Amino acid sequence: MGAGFEFKRELLEGVQDKSLVEIMADGRAVNNSEFELVDQKKGGVVRWVQPPETGRDYFVIGDPGQGLRPPAMRPW
């Protein structure tokens, strides 16, 4: 969640889908390669990949970061 400098913790918690967090944890717990979560010190989660579920709609919001090498510019 970070330190709340740009976005308050309460705001971020209100828009987070807890079921997606659980699905990610379950997929990673069984080492399913379709589930990928990368985080970086000071950047938090910078890459979140999981297979889509049929019948579910997704809306993704992200922050590209700032500076010369924001997280969005990092090679994978």
C-alpha atoms as a PDB file:
ATOM      1  CA  MET A   1       0.000   0.000   0.000  1.00  0.00           C
ATOM      2  CA  GLY A   2       2.962   2.312   0.316  1.00  0.00           C
ATOM      3  CA  ALA A   3       3.358   5.169   2.762  1.00  0.00           C
ATOM      4  CA  GLY A   4       0.277   7.096   1.630  1.00  0.00           C
ATOM      5  CA  PHE A   5       2.241  10.029   0.255  1.00  0.00           C
ATOM      6  CA  GLU A   6       0.354  10.326  -3.047  1.00  0.00           C
ATOM      7  CA  PHE A   7      -2.686   8.161  -2.290  1.00  0.00           C
ATOM      8  CA  LYS A   8      -4.144   7.528   1.140  1.00  0.00           C
ATOM      9  CA  ARG A   9      -4.332   3.892   2.278  1.00  0.00           C
ATOM     10  CA  GLU A  10      -8.112   4.173   2.783  1.00  0.00           C
ATOM     11  CA  LEU A  11      -8.580   5.185  -0.861  1.00  0.00           C
ATOM     12  CA  LEU A  12      -6.514   2.260  -2.164  1.00  0.00           C
ATOM     13  CA  GLU A  13      -8.180  -0.266   0.135  1.00  0.00           C
ATOM     14  CA  GLY A  14     -11.591   0.893  -1.112  1.00  0.00           C
ATOM     15  CA  VAL A  15     -10.849   0.077  -4.740  1.00  0.00           C
ATOM     16  CA  GLN A  16      -8.921  -3.174  -4.261  1.00  0.00           C
ATOM     17  CA  ASP A  17     -10.754  -6.385  -5.186  1.00  0.00           C
ATOM     18  CA  LYS A  18      -9.990  -8.778  -2.342  1.00  0.00           C
ATOM     19  CA  SER A  19     -11.167 -11.763  -4.403  1.00  0.00           C
ATOM     20  CA  LEU A  20      -8.452 -11.082  -7.001  1.00  0.00           C
ATOM     21  CA  VAL A  21      -5.852 -10.977  -4.230  1.00  0.00           C
ATOM     22  CA  GLU A  22      -7.069 -14.389  -3.017  1.00  0.00           C
ATOM     23  CA  ILE A  23      -7.049 -15.823  -6.554  1.00  0.00           C
ATOM     24  CA  MET A  24      -3.473 -14.591  -7.043  1.00  0.00           C
ATOM     25  CA  ALA A  25      -2.359 -16.091  -3.717  1.00  0.00           C
ATOM     26  CA  ASP A  26      -3.962 -19.443  -4.548  1.00  0.00           C
ATOM     27  CA  GLY A  27      -2.377 -19.561  -8.012  1.00  0.00           C
ATOM     28  CA  ARG A  28       1.059 -18.713  -6.698  1.00  0.00           C
ATOM     29  CA  ALA A  29       0.735 -21.190  -3.803  1.00  0.00           C
ATOM     30  CA  VAL A  30       0.568 -24.070  -6.311  1.00  0.00           C
ATOM     31  CA  ASN A  31       3.343 -22.569  -8.502  1.00  0.00           C
ATOM     32  CA  ASN A  32       1.012 -21.987 -11.448  1.00  0.00           C
ATOM     33  CA  SER A  33       3.152 -20.149 -14.027  1.00  0.00           C
ATOM     34  CA  GLU A  34       0.121 -18.178 -15.284  1.00  0.00           C
ATOM     35  CA  PHE A  35       0.200 -16.155 -12.059  1.00  0.00           C
ATOM     36  CA  GLU A  36       2.942 -13.561 -11.762  1.00  0.00           C
ATOM     37  CA  LEU A  37       3.369 -10.877  -9.157  1.00  0.00           C
ATOM     38  CA  VAL A  38       6.443  -8.647  -9.146  1.00  0.00           C
ATOM     39  CA  ASP A  39       7.036  -5.956  -6.598  1.00  0.00           C
ATOM     40  CA  GLN A  40       9.902  -3.586  -6.062  1.00  0.00           C
ATOM     41  CA  LYS A  41      11.183  -1.699  -3.069  1.00  0.00           C
ATOM     42  CA  LYS A  42       9.656   1.799  -3.164  1.00  0.00           C
ATOM     43  CA  GLY A  43       7.503   0.801  -6.151  1.00  0.00           C
ATOM     44  CA  GLY A  44       5.124  -1.746  -4.673  1.00  0.00           C
ATOM     45  CA  VAL A  45       3.483  -4.121  -7.144  1.00  0.00           C
ATOM     46  CA  VAL A  46       4.731  -3.255 -10.626  1.00  0.00           C
ATOM     47  CA  ARG A  47       3.529  -6.336 -12.521  1.00  0.00           C
ATOM     48  CA  TRP A  48       0.405  -8.416 -11.882  1.00  0.00           C
ATOM     49  CA  VAL A  49      -0.511 -11.182 -14.332  1.00  0.00           C
ATOM     50  CA  GLN A  50      -3.208 -13.796 -13.936  1.00  0.00           C
ATOM     51  CA  PRO A  51      -5.428 -15.624 -16.425  1.00  0.00           C
ATOM     52  CA  PRO A  52      -8.860 -14.063 -17.014  1.00  0.00           C
ATOM     53  CA  GLU A  53     -11.999 -15.771 -15.771  1.00  0.00           C
ATOM     54  CA  THR A  54     -14.924 -16.217 -18.170  1.00  0.00           C
ATOM     55  CA  GLY A  55     -17.850 -13.954 -17.325  1.00  0.00           C
ATOM     56  CA  ARG A  56     -15.802 -11.516 -15.275  1.00  0.00           C
ATOM     57  CA  ASP A  57     -15.117  -7.905 -16.276  1.00  0.00           C
ATOM     58  CA  TYR A  58     -11.827  -6.243 -15.386  1.00  0.00           C
ATOM     59  CA  PHE A  59     -10.904  -2.602 -14.947  1.00  0.00           C
ATOM     60  CA  VAL A  60      -7.229  -1.943 -14.263  1.00  0.00           C
ATOM     61  CA  ILE A  61      -5.861   1.273 -12.818  1.00  0.00           C
ATOM     62  CA  GLY A  62      -2.155   1.865 -12.534  1.00  0.00           C
ATOM     63  CA  ASP A  63       0.437   4.506 -11.849  1.00  0.00           C
ATOM     64  CA  PRO A  64       3.298   4.640 -14.374  1.00  0.00           C
ATOM     65  CA  GLY A  65       5.644   6.111 -11.780  1.00  0.00           C
ATOM     66  CA  GLN A  66       8.026   8.980 -12.312  1.00  0.00           C
ATOM     67  CA  GLY A  67      11.649   9.745 -12.979  1.00  0.00           C
ATOM     68  CA  LEU A  68      13.979   8.396 -15.626  1.00  0.00           C
ATOM     69  CA  ARG A  69      13.148   4.710 -15.085  1.00  0.00           C
ATOM     70  CA  PRO A  70       9.595   4.394 -13.758  1.00  0.00           C
ATOM     71  CA  PRO A  71       8.340   0.835 -13.170  1.00  0.00           C
ATOM     72  CA  ALA A  72       6.462   0.795 -16.490  1.00  0.00           C
ATOM     73  CA  MET A  73       9.782   1.105 -18.345  1.00  0.00           C
ATOM     74  CA  ARG A  74      11.545  -1.801 -16.651  1.00  0.00           C
ATOM     75  CA  PRO A  75      12.289  -4.768 -18.922  1.00  0.00           C
ATOM     76  CA  TRP A  76      10.704  -8.103 -18.029  1.00  0.00           C
END
